[in-house]
Amino acid sequence: MNCINKFIESEESKRNLLCYEDVKMKREVNRVNRKDKQEILVAYCCILPMFLGLFIFYILPFLKNVFLAFEKWEPFGNGVFIGLENYRKLLQDEVFWIAFKNTIFMPL
């Protein structure tokens, strides 16, 4: 009987120990040490040139083209904002609709 009690006590102490270890590990997982911060900083420094290139060569030109779509643009002058007038002219142009049909139906 005494051995059984010791066995039960030892099993309970193991469970308690495991619970304590789980709590301790959770605290350690949430904690970021100095070495981890340096690794994160290095990773961001390696990714930064890619994001700068993406912004400079893709996002900025896209936004500029969206803005220019609403202007009447002269080659050697400043653009004049005309709103949706360019799109109204485009939808009334017969050549646009021919090109649009060709684009849709030719690949089929």
Protein backbone atom coordinates (compact mmCIF):
# COMPACT_ATOMS: atom_id res chain seq x y z
CA MET A 1 0.00 0.00 0.00
CA ASN A 2 2.82 2.33 0.84
CA CYS A 3 4.44 1.73 -2.56
CA ILE A 4 1.15 2.52 -4.31
CA ASN A 5 0.84 5.82 -2.45
CA LYS A 6 4.39 6.69 -3.38
CA PHE A 7 3.66 5.77 -6.98
CA ILE A 8 0.54 7.95 -6.99
CA GLU A 9 2.41 10.79 -5.31
CA SER A 10 5.24 10.50 -7.80
CA GLU A 11 2.75 10.54 -10.71
CA GLU A 12 1.09 13.66 -9.30
CA SER A 13 4.43 15.34 -8.80
CA LYS A 14 5.37 14.49 -12.40
CA ARG A 15 2.12 16.07 -13.61
CA ASN A 16 2.76 19.13 -11.48
CA LEU A 17 6.32 19.27 -12.76
CA LEU A 18 5.10 18.98 -16.36
CA CYS A 19 2.57 21.76 -15.77
CA TYR A 20 5.30 23.94 -14.29
CA GLU A 21 7.58 23.20 -17.26
CA ASP A 22 4.77 24.08 -19.71
CA VAL A 23 4.21 27.42 -18.01
CA LYS A 24 7.94 28.08 -17.94
CA MET A 25 8.24 27.25 -21.66
CA LYS A 26 5.32 29.51 -22.54
CA ARG A 27 7.01 32.39 -20.75
CA GLU A 28 10.26 31.70 -22.58
CA VAL A 29 8.51 31.50 -25.96
CA ASN A 30 6.97 34.94 -25.48
CA ARG A 31 10.27 36.46 -24.45
CA VAL A 32 12.49 37.77 -27.28
CA ASN A 33 16.13 37.99 -26.39
CA ARG A 34 18.76 40.29 -27.85
CA LYS A 35 20.05 37.73 -30.35
CA ASP A 36 16.54 37.18 -31.74
CA LYS A 37 16.06 40.94 -32.10
CA GLN A 38 19.31 41.17 -34.06
CA GLU A 39 18.22 38.32 -36.35
CA ILE A 40 14.89 40.04 -36.95
CA LEU A 41 16.68 43.30 -37.74
CA VAL A 42 18.99 41.55 -40.21
CA ALA A 43 16.01 39.87 -41.87
CA TYR A 44 14.21 43.20 -42.29
CA CYS A 45 17.38 44.78 -43.69
CA CYS A 46 17.59 41.99 -46.27
CA ILE A 47 13.95 42.42 -47.27
CA LEU A 48 14.03 46.24 -47.38
CA PRO A 49 15.70 46.60 -50.84
CA MET A 50 13.06 44.37 -52.40
CA PHE A 51 10.23 46.44 -50.93
CA LEU A 52 11.91 49.70 -51.99
CA GLY A 53 12.26 48.39 -55.55
CA LEU A 54 8.66 47.23 -55.54
CA PHE A 55 7.48 50.63 -54.36
CA ILE A 56 9.69 52.67 -56.73
CA PHE A 57 9.28 50.60 -59.90
CA TYR A 58 5.71 49.26 -59.57
CA ILE A 59 3.53 51.09 -57.07
CA LEU A 60 4.59 54.69 -57.80
CA PRO A 61 4.27 54.34 -61.61
CA PHE A 62 0.88 52.68 -61.22
CA LEU A 63 -0.41 55.50 -59.03
CA LYS A 64 1.01 58.11 -61.40
CA ASN A 65 -0.72 56.45 -64.38
CA VAL A 66 -4.03 56.38 -62.51
CA PHE A 67 -3.65 60.10 -61.83
CA LEU A 68 -2.64 60.83 -65.44
CA ALA A 69 -5.71 58.98 -66.74
CA PHE A 70 -7.84 61.85 -65.41
CA GLU A 71 -5.80 64.60 -67.10
CA LYS A 72 -5.42 66.02 -70.57
CA TRP A 73 -1.69 65.72 -71.05
CA GLU A 74 0.50 67.68 -73.41
CA PRO A 75 4.03 66.45 -74.19
CA PHE A 76 5.76 69.68 -73.14
CA GLY A 77 3.35 71.14 -70.65
CA ASN A 78 1.44 70.51 -67.51
CA GLY A 79 -1.62 68.31 -67.49
CA VAL A 80 -5.07 69.75 -67.01
CA PHE A 81 -7.50 67.76 -64.86
CA ILE A 82 -10.54 66.80 -66.96
CA GLY A 83 -12.03 63.99 -64.85
CA LEU A 84 -13.70 61.14 -66.73
CA GLU A 85 -13.61 62.90 -70.11
CA ASN A 86 -10.85 60.59 -71.39
CA TYR A 87 -12.93 57.54 -70.58
CA ARG A 88 -16.04 59.04 -72.21
CA LYS A 89 -14.04 59.59 -75.42
CA LEU A 90 -12.64 56.08 -75.20
CA LEU A 91 -16.07 54.47 -74.92
CA GLN A 92 -17.31 56.47 -77.92
CA ASP A 93 -14.35 55.53 -80.11
CA GLU A 94 -15.13 52.89 -82.76
CA VAL A 95 -11.51 51.71 -83.00
CA PHE A 96 -11.50 50.95 -79.27
CA TRP A 97 -14.48 48.60 -79.61
CA ILE A 98 -12.87 46.79 -82.55
CA ALA A 99 -9.68 46.32 -80.55
CA PHE A 100 -11.72 45.22 -77.53
CA LYS A 101 -13.59 42.59 -79.57
CA ASN A 102 -10.32 41.33 -81.04
CA THR A 103 -8.80 41.08 -77.59
CA ILE A 104 -11.75 39.10 -76.24
CA PHE A 105 -12.58 36.80 -79.18
CA MET A 106 -9.22 36.11 -80.87
CA PRO A 107 -7.75 33.97 -78.06
CA LEU A 108 -10.85 31.78 -78.09
